[in-house]
Amino acid sequence: MTETILTHPSDEELAAAVQENLYALFRAMATLPGSELVESEKQSHHLAFPSNPMYKGVWRTRLSLGEADNVIDETIEWFKARNAPFLFWWTGPGTTPDVLGERLVARGFVSMEAQLEHVASGMKFAELGAPGMVADLHHMNEAALTHVPSGFTIEEVRDEAALHDFKRVLIEGYEIPEGMAHGWVQAALGFGVARTPWKMVLGKLNGEPVATHLLFNGAGVAGVYGVATVPSARGKGIGGAITLKPLLEAREMGYHYAVLFSTEMGIHAYERIGFRLCNVRINRYLWRNA
């Protein structure tokens, strides 16, 4: 089925696309071999084999306060029965009950803000969650593509060597464990390199891998994920350029808008190329199978 590209969305529809693009990404992950996807009016969850909690999650939760605890327990058991080592439970606008985060913490989940201090020190989110941002692809700061050092190139990941370079940049740029970054390698090999539902882009400076971007088109918009720059290459305009170039390619494909959820550190960098904040905060709660 061909998706409907958003062309004249209201501010509310565009803000909603921040979450909807993420949900579409989860559905795409669940097309990997051996994956499971369960969707209902009350919540959705997916499970795929890669070693990253992005591939094992719960989302679009719409529960009453009275049923929340039982559903949380049942969902944990569902993942335990499948030997899931961890999962993310995602919350955002429309999540109910309002105290879902508190109920998750009471059952051993850790908010992303607290957990990042231990597993991803290169990523900093506000306690309320990651801020959503949106952009009109016909009003981007295209000059950002020229404000980079000589010798900087951007290319799509099309072979295993580039895939492992992508992984190394993620590890160094986000300061995350090797296993979390390796999940993207596992997924790409599962789909076939260069045949993933998303585009993986690698930036090199004088031949050395220094930046990444993972672009996923879904829910009518272009979604930005996995933008990382190694510390030695920051402050040179590289992050802005590698974010922008695939978005302009998405525009050529007919997309009008882009969405993302940012770290606190990334807000101003994204604003410089044309993104603006919207009234969306996305949070994640990490559960580990003890």
C-alpha atoms as a PDB file:
ATOM      1  CA  MET A   1       0.000   0.000   0.000  1.00  0.00           C
ATOM      2  CA  THR A   2       1.356   3.426  -0.964  1.00  0.00           C
ATOM      3  CA  GLU A   3       1.656   5.803   1.989  1.00  0.00           C
ATOM      4  CA  THR A   4       0.060   9.230   1.912  1.00  0.00           C
ATOM      5  CA  ILE A   5       2.698  11.954   2.093  1.00  0.00           C
ATOM      6  CA  LEU A   6       1.781  14.904   4.309  1.00  0.00           C
ATOM      7  CA  THR A   7       1.514  18.012   2.163  1.00  0.00           C
ATOM      8  CA  HIS A   8      -0.532  20.585   4.108  1.00  0.00           C
ATOM      9  CA  PRO A   9      -0.643  19.328   7.691  1.00  0.00           C
ATOM     10  CA  SER A  10      -1.847  21.391  10.624  1.00  0.00           C
ATOM     11  CA  ASP A  11       0.644  22.000  13.412  1.00  0.00           C
ATOM     12  CA  GLU A  12      -1.112  19.285  15.409  1.00  0.00           C
ATOM     13  CA  GLU A  13      -0.881  16.776  12.564  1.00  0.00           C
ATOM     14  CA  LEU A  14       2.767  17.541  12.006  1.00  0.00           C
ATOM     15  CA  ALA A  15       3.558  17.175  15.696  1.00  0.00           C
ATOM     16  CA  ALA A  16       1.699  13.853  15.746  1.00  0.00           C
ATOM     17  CA  ALA A  17       3.903  12.681  12.869  1.00  0.00           C
ATOM     18  CA  VAL A  18       6.926  12.740  15.197  1.00  0.00           C
ATOM     19  CA  GLN A  19       5.421   9.757  17.018  1.00  0.00           C
ATOM     20  CA  GLU A  20       3.761   8.185  13.985  1.00  0.00           C
ATOM     21  CA  ASN A  21       7.041   8.040  12.086  1.00  0.00           C
ATOM     22  CA  LEU A  22       8.612   6.278  15.071  1.00  0.00           C
ATOM     23  CA  TYR A  23       5.753   3.767  15.152  1.00  0.00           C
ATOM     24  CA  ALA A  24       6.170   3.144  11.431  1.00  0.00           C
ATOM     25  CA  LEU A  25       9.862   2.470  12.081  1.00  0.00           C
ATOM     26  CA  PHE A  26       8.924  -0.163  14.668  1.00  0.00           C
ATOM     27  CA  ARG A  27       6.599  -1.838  12.183  1.00  0.00           C
ATOM     28  CA  ALA A  28       9.443  -1.895   9.656  1.00  0.00           C
ATOM     29  CA  MET A  29      11.756  -3.480  12.240  1.00  0.00           C
ATOM     30  CA  ALA A  30       9.145  -6.167  12.793  1.00  0.00           C
ATOM     31  CA  THR A  31       9.481  -7.312   9.180  1.00  0.00           C
ATOM     32  CA  LEU A  32      12.849  -8.879  10.036  1.00  0.00           C
ATOM     33  CA  PRO A  33      12.819 -12.701  10.014  1.00  0.00           C
ATOM     34  CA  GLY A  34      11.468 -14.207  13.228  1.00  0.00           C
ATOM     35  CA  SER A  35       9.977 -10.942  14.480  1.00  0.00           C
ATOM     36  CA  GLU A  36       6.634 -10.408  16.207  1.00  0.00           C
ATOM     37  CA  LEU A  37       4.300  -7.415  16.088  1.00  0.00           C
ATOM     38  CA  VAL A  38       1.149  -7.087  18.201  1.00  0.00           C
ATOM     39  CA  GLU A  39      -1.148  -4.082  17.818  1.00  0.00           C
ATOM     40  CA  SER A  40      -4.402  -3.353  19.632  1.00  0.00           C
ATOM     41  CA  GLU A  41      -6.473  -0.372  20.700  1.00  0.00           C
ATOM     42  CA  LYS A  42      -4.774  -0.394  24.109  1.00  0.00           C
ATOM     43  CA  GLN A  43      -1.125  -0.728  23.092  1.00  0.00           C
ATOM     44  CA  SER A  44       1.317  -2.082  20.546  1.00  0.00           C
ATOM     45  CA  HIS A  45       4.553  -3.995  20.963  1.00  0.00           C
ATOM     46  CA  HIS A  46       7.211  -5.478  18.730  1.00  0.00           C
ATOM     47  CA  LEU A  47      10.149  -7.825  19.121  1.00  0.00           C
ATOM     48  CA  ALA A  48      12.990  -8.452  16.675  1.00  0.00           C
ATOM     49  CA  PHE A  49      16.349 -10.152  17.181  1.00  0.00           C
ATOM     50  CA  PRO A  50      18.938  -7.289  16.979  1.00  0.00           C
ATOM     51  CA  SER A  51      20.774  -6.454  20.221  1.00  0.00           C
ATOM     52  CA  ASN A  52      19.365  -2.982  20.704  1.00  0.00           C
ATOM     53  CA  PRO A  53      16.261  -2.143  22.796  1.00  0.00           C
ATOM     54  CA  MET A  54      14.898  -0.113  19.861  1.00  0.00           C
ATOM     55  CA  TYR A  55      14.043  -3.509  18.359  1.00  0.00           C
ATOM     56  CA  LYS A  56      12.045  -4.632  21.403  1.00  0.00           C
ATOM     57  CA  GLY A  57       9.450  -2.171  22.578  1.00  0.00           C
ATOM     58  CA  VAL A  58       6.000  -1.134  23.721  1.00  0.00           C
ATOM     59  CA  TRP A  59       4.280   1.940  22.331  1.00  0.00           C
ATOM     60  CA  ARG A  60       0.974   3.712  21.698  1.00  0.00           C
ATOM     61  CA  THR A  61      -0.244   2.879  25.210  1.00  0.00           C
ATOM     62  CA  ARG A  62      -3.876   3.830  25.909  1.00  0.00           C
ATOM     63  CA  LEU A  63      -4.804   2.349  29.290  1.00  0.00           C
ATOM     64  CA  SER A  64      -7.013   3.329  32.191  1.00  0.00           C
ATOM     65  CA  LEU A  65      -5.343   3.836  35.549  1.00  0.00           C
ATOM     66  CA  GLY A  66      -7.122   0.803  36.957  1.00  0.00           C
ATOM     67  CA  GLU A  67      -5.844  -1.617  34.306  1.00  0.00           C
ATOM     68  CA  ALA A  68      -2.319  -0.232  33.857  1.00  0.00           C
ATOM     69  CA  ASP A  69      -0.513  -2.360  36.448  1.00  0.00           C
ATOM     70  CA  ASN A  70      -1.986  -5.634  35.197  1.00  0.00           C
ATOM     71  CA  VAL A  71      -1.224  -4.817  31.569  1.00  0.00           C
ATOM     72  CA  ILE A  72       2.355  -3.853  32.430  1.00  0.00           C
ATOM     73  CA  ASP A  73       2.820  -7.178  34.236  1.00  0.00           C
ATOM     74  CA  GLU A  74       1.280  -9.134  31.356  1.00  0.00           C
ATOM     75  CA  THR A  75       3.480  -7.337  28.839  1.00  0.00           C
ATOM     76  CA  ILE A  76       6.631  -8.045  30.834  1.00  0.00           C
ATOM     77  CA  GLU A  77       5.680 -11.724  30.914  1.00  0.00           C
ATOM     78  CA  TRP A  78       5.159 -11.671  27.135  1.00  0.00           C
ATOM     79  CA  PHE A  79       8.730 -10.464  26.621  1.00  0.00           C
ATOM     80  CA  LYS A  80      10.127 -12.810  29.281  1.00  0.00           C
ATOM     81  CA  ALA A  81       8.504 -15.775  27.567  1.00  0.00           C
ATOM     82  CA  ARG A  82      10.475 -14.849  24.464  1.00  0.00           C
ATOM     83  CA  ASN A  83      13.751 -14.432  26.378  1.00  0.00           C
ATOM     84  CA  ALA A  84      14.009 -10.744  25.560  1.00  0.00           C
ATOM     85  CA  PRO A  85      17.046  -9.320  27.398  1.00  0.00           C
ATOM     86  CA  PHE A  86      15.529  -5.831  27.534  1.00  0.00           C
ATOM     87  CA  LEU A  87      12.894  -3.546  26.070  1.00  0.00           C
ATOM     88  CA  PHE A  88      11.964   0.119  25.758  1.00  0.00           C
ATOM     89  CA  TRP A  89       8.505   1.279  26.823  1.00  0.00           C
ATOM     90  CA  TRP A  90       7.808   4.504  24.938  1.00  0.00           C
ATOM     91  CA  THR A  91       5.609   7.339  26.190  1.00  0.00           C
ATOM     92  CA  GLY A  92       4.539  10.638  24.653  1.00  0.00           C
ATOM     93  CA  PRO A  93       1.512  12.797  23.884  1.00  0.00           C
ATOM     94  CA  GLY A  94      -1.638  10.717  24.145  1.00  0.00           C
ATOM     95  CA  THR A  95      -0.103   8.098  26.426  1.00  0.00           C
ATOM     96  CA  THR A  96      -2.458   7.119  29.244  1.00  0.00           C
ATOM     97  CA  PRO A  97      -2.579   6.990  32.149  1.00  0.00           C
ATOM     98  CA  ASP A  98      -0.566  10.127  32.848  1.00  0.00           C
ATOM     99  CA  VAL A  99       1.296   8.304  35.616  1.00  0.00           C
ATOM    100  CA  LEU A 100       2.367   5.427  33.363  1.00  0.00           C
ATOM    101  CA  GLY A 101       6.025   6.369  33.803  1.00  0.00           C
ATOM    102  CA  GLU A 102       5.682   6.119  37.575  1.00  0.00           C
ATOM    103  CA  ARG A 103       3.998   2.728  37.284  1.00  0.00           C
ATOM    104  CA  LEU A 104       6.789   1.490  35.015  1.00  0.00           C
ATOM    105  CA  VAL A 105       9.486   2.654  37.439  1.00  0.00           C
ATOM    106  CA  ALA A 106       7.649   0.883  40.266  1.00  0.00           C
ATOM    107  CA  ARG A 107       8.061  -2.352  38.279  1.00  0.00           C
ATOM    108  CA  GLY A 108      11.774  -2.013  37.699  1.00  0.00           C
ATOM    109  CA  PHE A 109      11.924   0.129  34.559  1.00  0.00           C
ATOM    110  CA  VAL A 110      14.489   2.933  34.468  1.00  0.00           C
ATOM    111  CA  SER A 111      13.734   6.235  32.780  1.00  0.00           C
ATOM    112  CA  MET A 112      15.961   7.017  29.821  1.00  0.00           C
ATOM    113  CA  GLU A 113      17.258  10.139  31.541  1.00  0.00           C
ATOM    114  CA  ALA A 114      18.627   8.153  34.472  1.00  0.00           C
ATOM    115  CA  GLN A 115      19.864   5.216  32.416  1.00  0.00           C
ATOM    116  CA  LEU A 116      21.837   7.344  29.961  1.00  0.00           C
ATOM    117  CA  GLU A 117      24.238   8.308  32.716  1.00  0.00           C
ATOM    118  CA  HIS A 118      25.355   4.683  32.724  1.00  0.00           C
ATOM    119  CA  VAL A 119      24.981   3.373  29.167  1.00  0.00           C
ATOM    120  CA  ALA A 120      25.110   6.331  26.758  1.00  0.00           C
ATOM    121  CA  SER A 121      26.923   9.262  28.281  1.00  0.00           C
ATOM    122  CA  GLY A 122      27.102  10.993  24.915  1.00  0.00           C
ATOM    123  CA  MET A 123      23.303  11.440  24.834  1.00  0.00           C
ATOM    124  CA  LYS A 124      21.530  13.874  27.164  1.00  0.00           C
ATOM    125  CA  PHE A 125      17.757  14.166  27.396  1.00  0.00           C
ATOM    126  CA  ALA A 126      15.593  16.352  29.586  1.00  0.00           C
ATOM    127  CA  GLU A 127      13.711  14.670  32.406  1.00  0.00           C
ATOM    128  CA  LEU A 128      10.425  15.255  30.574  1.00  0.00           C
ATOM    129  CA  GLY A 129      11.721  13.372  27.548  1.00  0.00           C
ATOM    130  CA  ALA A 130      13.306  14.105  24.207  1.00  0.00           C
ATOM    131  CA  PRO A 131      11.962  17.227  22.459  1.00  0.00           C
ATOM    132  CA  GLY A 132      10.228  16.693  19.126  1.00  0.00           C
ATOM    133  CA  MET A 133      11.176  18.855  16.156  1.00  0.00           C
ATOM    134  CA  VAL A 134       9.700  19.377  12.675  1.00  0.00           C
ATOM    135  CA  ALA A 135      10.875  21.005   9.449  1.00  0.00           C
ATOM    136  CA  ASP A 136       9.472  22.091   6.105  1.00  0.00           C
ATOM    137  CA  LEU A 137      11.811  20.520   3.526  1.00  0.00           C
ATOM    138  CA  HIS A 138      11.192  23.409   1.146  1.00  0.00           C
ATOM    139  CA  HIS A 139      12.572  25.887   3.671  1.00  0.00           C
ATOM    140  CA  MET A 140      15.874  24.380   4.766  1.00  0.00           C
ATOM    141  CA  ASN A 141      19.219  26.105   5.198  1.00  0.00           C
ATOM    142  CA  GLU A 142      20.856  24.437   2.222  1.00  0.00           C
ATOM    143  CA  ALA A 143      23.991  26.530   2.684  1.00  0.00           C
ATOM    144  CA  ALA A 144      24.855  24.132   5.507  1.00  0.00           C
ATOM    145  CA  LEU A 145      26.045  21.680   2.868  1.00  0.00           C
ATOM    146  CA  THR A 146      28.884  24.023   1.972  1.00  0.00           C
ATOM    147  CA  HIS A 147      29.955  24.926   5.510  1.00  0.00           C
ATOM    148  CA  VAL A 148      32.085  21.833   5.970  1.00  0.00           C
ATOM    149  CA  PRO A 149      35.829  21.152   5.796  1.00  0.00           C
ATOM    150  CA  SER A 150      37.488  20.306   2.536  1.00  0.00           C
ATOM    151  CA  GLY A 151      37.703  16.557   2.244  1.00  0.00           C
ATOM    152  CA  PHE A 152      34.297  15.825   3.788  1.00  0.00           C
ATOM    153  CA  THR A 153      32.141  13.380   1.821  1.00  0.00           C
ATOM    154  CA  ILE A 154      28.726  11.780   2.395  1.00  0.00           C
ATOM    155  CA  GLU A 155      27.802   8.365   1.029  1.00  0.00           C
ATOM    156  CA  GLU A 156      25.149   5.715   1.536  1.00  0.00           C
ATOM    157  CA  VAL A 157      26.164   2.540   3.367  1.00  0.00           C
ATOM    158  CA  ARG A 158      26.223  -0.138   0.684  1.00  0.00           C
ATOM    159  CA  ASP A 159      28.631  -2.835   1.917  1.00  0.00           C
ATOM    160  CA  GLU A 160      29.710  -4.532   5.125  1.00  0.00           C
ATOM    161  CA  ALA A 161      32.878  -2.469   5.492  1.00  0.00           C
ATOM    162  CA  ALA A 162      30.864   0.765   5.488  1.00  0.00           C
ATOM    163  CA  LEU A 163      28.329  -0.849   7.822  1.00  0.00           C
ATOM    164  CA  HIS A 164      31.007  -1.515  10.423  1.00  0.00           C
ATOM    165  CA  ASP A 165      32.340   2.026   9.984  1.00  0.00           C
ATOM    166  CA  PHE A 166      28.791   3.237  10.704  1.00  0.00           C
ATOM    167  CA  LYS A 167      28.797   1.163  13.887  1.00  0.00           C
ATOM    168  CA  ARG A 168      32.131   2.558  15.082  1.00  0.00           C
ATOM    169  CA  VAL A 169      30.929   6.134  14.648  1.00  0.00           C
ATOM    170  CA  LEU A 170      27.748   5.384  16.617  1.00  0.00           C
ATOM    171  CA  ILE A 171      29.803   3.962  19.483  1.00  0.00           C
ATOM    172  CA  GLU A 172      32.186   6.906  19.610  1.00  0.00           C
ATOM    173  CA  GLY A 173      29.655   9.608  18.836  1.00  0.00           C
ATOM    174  CA  TYR A 174      26.996   8.500  21.323  1.00  0.00           C
ATOM    175  CA  GLU A 175      29.335   6.727  23.766  1.00  0.00           C
ATOM    176  CA  ILE A 176      27.060   3.707  23.785  1.00  0.00           C
ATOM    177  CA  PRO A 177      27.896   0.041  24.428  1.00  0.00           C
ATOM    178  CA  GLU A 178      29.106  -1.974  21.469  1.00  0.00           C
ATOM    179  CA  GLY A 179      26.038  -4.218  21.583  1.00  0.00           C
ATOM    180  CA  MET A 180      23.586  -1.348  21.084  1.00  0.00           C
ATOM    181  CA  ALA A 181      25.425  -0.126  18.005  1.00  0.00           C
ATOM    182  CA  HIS A 182      25.850  -3.663  16.711  1.00  0.00           C
ATOM    183  CA  GLY A 183      22.065  -4.043  16.629  1.00  0.00           C
ATOM    184  CA  TRP A 184      21.974  -1.838  13.535  1.00  0.00           C
ATOM    185  CA  VAL A 185      24.598  -4.049  11.880  1.00  0.00           C
ATOM    186  CA  GLN A 186      22.556  -7.163  12.689  1.00  0.00           C
ATOM    187  CA  ALA A 187      19.424  -5.620  11.231  1.00  0.00           C
ATOM    188  CA  ALA A 188      21.172  -4.507   8.047  1.00  0.00           C
ATOM    189  CA  LEU A 189      22.613  -7.980   7.527  1.00  0.00           C
ATOM    190  CA  GLY A 190      19.182  -9.468   8.220  1.00  0.00           C
ATOM    191  CA  PHE A 191      17.552  -7.346   5.529  1.00  0.00           C
ATOM    192  CA  GLY A 192      20.592  -7.301   3.278  1.00  0.00           C
ATOM    193  CA  VAL A 193      23.033  -4.401   3.232  1.00  0.00           C
ATOM    194  CA  ALA A 194      21.568  -1.455   1.276  1.00  0.00           C
ATOM    195  CA  ARG A 195      18.134  -3.129   1.348  1.00  0.00           C
ATOM    196  CA  THR A 196      17.009  -1.923   4.780  1.00  0.00           C
ATOM    197  CA  PRO A 197      13.680  -0.048   5.061  1.00  0.00           C
ATOM    198  CA  TRP A 198      15.778   2.943   6.147  1.00  0.00           C
ATOM    199  CA  LYS A 199      18.760   4.690   4.558  1.00  0.00           C
ATOM    200  CA  MET A 200      22.072   4.499   6.421  1.00  0.00           C
ATOM    201  CA  VAL A 201      24.455   7.332   5.586  1.00  0.00           C
ATOM    202  CA  LEU A 202      28.142   7.675   6.470  1.00  0.00           C
ATOM    203  CA  GLY A 203      30.197  10.857   6.492  1.00  0.00           C
ATOM    204  CA  LYS A 204      33.969  10.748   6.033  1.00  0.00           C
ATOM    205  CA  LEU A 205      36.605  13.407   6.574  1.00  0.00           C
ATOM    206  CA  ASN A 206      39.706  12.773   4.497  1.00  0.00           C
ATOM    207  CA  GLY A 207      38.633   9.157   4.218  1.00  0.00           C
ATOM    208  CA  GLU A 208      38.026   8.618   7.933  1.00  0.00           C
ATOM    209  CA  PRO A 209      34.453   7.812   9.115  1.00  0.00           C
ATOM    210  CA  VAL A 210      33.262  10.663  11.358  1.00  0.00           C
ATOM    211  CA  ALA A 211      29.454  10.983  11.108  1.00  0.00           C
ATOM    212  CA  THR A 212      26.257   8.983  10.618  1.00  0.00           C
ATOM    213  CA  HIS A 213      22.594   9.496   9.789  1.00  0.00           C
ATOM    214  CA  LEU A 214      19.784   6.952   9.578  1.00  0.00           C
ATOM    215  CA  LEU A 215      16.796   8.262   7.603  1.00  0.00           C
ATOM    216  CA  PHE A 216      13.422   6.529   7.704  1.00  0.00           C
ATOM    217  CA  ASN A 217      10.539   7.674   5.519  1.00  0.00           C
ATOM    218  CA  GLY A 218       7.203   6.704   7.024  1.00  0.00           C
ATOM    219  CA  ALA A 219       3.829   8.050   8.204  1.00  0.00           C
ATOM    220  CA  GLY A 220       4.015  10.620   5.423  1.00  0.00           C
ATOM    221  CA  VAL A 221       7.226  12.303   6.574  1.00  0.00           C
ATOM    222  CA  ALA A 222      10.993  11.846   6.565  1.00  0.00           C
ATOM    223  CA  GLY A 223      12.277  10.773   9.984  1.00  0.00           C
ATOM    224  CA  VAL A 224      15.774  11.573  11.244  1.00  0.00           C
ATOM    225  CA  TYR A 225      17.552   9.046  13.484  1.00  0.00           C
ATOM    226  CA  GLY A 226      21.087   8.095  14.435  1.00  0.00           C
ATOM    227  CA  VAL A 227      22.795  11.415  13.700  1.00  0.00           C
ATOM    228  CA  ALA A 228      26.179  11.126  15.388  1.00  0.00           C
ATOM    229  CA  THR A 229      29.509  12.891  14.982  1.00  0.00           C
ATOM    230  CA  VAL A 230      32.738  11.739  16.616  1.00  0.00           C
ATOM    231  CA  PRO A 231      34.121  14.290  19.126  1.00  0.00           C
ATOM    232  CA  SER A 232      37.171  15.134  17.026  1.00  0.00           C
ATOM    233  CA  ALA A 233      34.973  16.245  14.094  1.00  0.00           C
ATOM    234  CA  ARG A 234      32.450  18.367  15.992  1.00  0.00           C
ATOM    235  CA  GLY A 235      32.055  22.107  15.539  1.00  0.00           C
ATOM    236  CA  LYS A 236      32.822  21.923  11.816  1.00  0.00           C
ATOM    237  CA  GLY A 237      29.296  21.831  10.368  1.00  0.00           C
ATOM    238  CA  ILE A 238      29.534  18.110   9.659  1.00  0.00           C
ATOM    239  CA  GLY A 239      26.484  17.133  11.730  1.00  0.00           C
ATOM    240  CA  GLY A 240      24.302  19.680   9.960  1.00  0.00           C
ATOM    241  CA  ALA A 241      25.474  18.606   6.518  1.00  0.00           C
ATOM    242  CA  ILE A 242      24.967  14.885   7.053  1.00  0.00           C
ATOM    243  CA  THR A 243      21.505  15.560   8.483  1.00  0.00           C
ATOM    244  CA  LEU A 244      20.506  17.796   5.599  1.00  0.00           C
ATOM    245  CA  LYS A 245      21.721  15.932   2.506  1.00  0.00           C
ATOM    246  CA  PRO A 246      19.493  12.821   2.884  1.00  0.00           C
ATOM    247  CA  LEU A 247      16.543  15.099   3.718  1.00  0.00           C
ATOM    248  CA  LEU A 248      16.966  16.959   0.455  1.00  0.00           C
ATOM    249  CA  GLU A 249      17.008  13.592  -1.303  1.00  0.00           C
ATOM    250  CA  ALA A 250      13.752  12.740   0.482  1.00  0.00           C
ATOM    251  CA  ARG A 251      12.354  16.031  -0.811  1.00  0.00           C
ATOM    252  CA  GLU A 252      13.240  14.938  -4.342  1.00  0.00           C
ATOM    253  CA  MET A 253      11.187  11.789  -3.662  1.00  0.00           C
ATOM    254  CA  GLY A 254       8.171  13.966  -2.872  1.00  0.00           C
ATOM    255  CA  TYR A 255       8.345  14.390   0.900  1.00  0.00           C
ATOM    256  CA  HIS A 256       7.453  17.833   2.236  1.00  0.00           C
ATOM    257  CA  TYR A 257       8.245  17.541   5.941  1.00  0.00           C
ATOM    258  CA  ALA A 258      10.816  15.999   8.263  1.00  0.00           C
ATOM    259  CA  VAL A 259      10.555  15.056  11.930  1.00  0.00           C
ATOM    260  CA  LEU A 260      12.879  13.980  14.720  1.00  0.00           C
ATOM    261  CA  PHE A 261      13.264  13.839  18.468  1.00  0.00           C
ATOM    262  CA  SER A 262      16.450  15.466  19.647  1.00  0.00           C
ATOM    263  CA  THR A 263      18.889  15.365  22.509  1.00  0.00           C
ATOM    264  CA  GLU A 264      19.123  18.637  24.426  1.00  0.00           C
ATOM    265  CA  MET A 265      22.574  19.191  22.917  1.00  0.00           C
ATOM    266  CA  GLY A 266      21.251  18.791  19.387  1.00  0.00           C
ATOM    267  CA  ILE A 267      18.397  21.321  19.442  1.00  0.00           C
ATOM    268  CA  HIS A 268      20.363  24.366  18.273  1.00  0.00           C
ATOM    269  CA  ALA A 269      22.217  22.372  15.618  1.00  0.00           C
ATOM    270  CA  TYR A 270      18.927  21.200  14.146  1.00  0.00           C
ATOM    271  CA  GLU A 271      17.457  24.702  14.354  1.00  0.00           C
ATOM    272  CA  ARG A 272      20.364  26.002  12.270  1.00  0.00           C
ATOM    273  CA  ILE A 273      19.376  23.819   9.335  1.00  0.00           C
ATOM    274  CA  GLY A 274      15.638  24.537   9.514  1.00  0.00           C
ATOM    275  CA  PHE A 275      13.993  22.476  12.254  1.00  0.00           C
ATOM    276  CA  ARG A 276      11.762  23.964  14.948  1.00  0.00           C
ATOM    277  CA  LEU A 277      10.516  22.631  18.248  1.00  0.00           C
ATOM    278  CA  CYS A 278       6.956  21.326  18.468  1.00  0.00           C
ATOM    279  CA  ASN A 279       4.756  20.413  21.401  1.00  0.00           C
ATOM    280  CA  VAL A 280       5.955  16.815  21.688  1.00  0.00           C
ATOM    281  CA  ARG A 281       8.129  15.079  24.257  1.00  0.00           C
ATOM    282  CA  ILE A 282       9.051  11.414  23.837  1.00  0.00           C
ATOM    283  CA  ASN A 283      10.396   9.324  26.684  1.00  0.00           C
ATOM    284  CA  ARG A 284      11.672   5.775  27.003  1.00  0.00           C
ATOM    285  CA  TYR A 285      11.758   3.463  29.970  1.00  0.00           C
ATOM    286  CA  LEU A 286      14.261   0.628  29.894  1.00  0.00           C
ATOM    287  CA  TRP A 287      13.493  -2.784  31.360  1.00  0.00           C
ATOM    288  CA  ARG A 288      16.139  -5.484  31.737  1.00  0.00           C
ATOM    289  CA  ASN A 289      15.342  -9.154  32.132  1.00  0.00           C
ATOM    290  CA  ALA A 290      16.959 -10.002  35.461  1.00  0.00           C
END
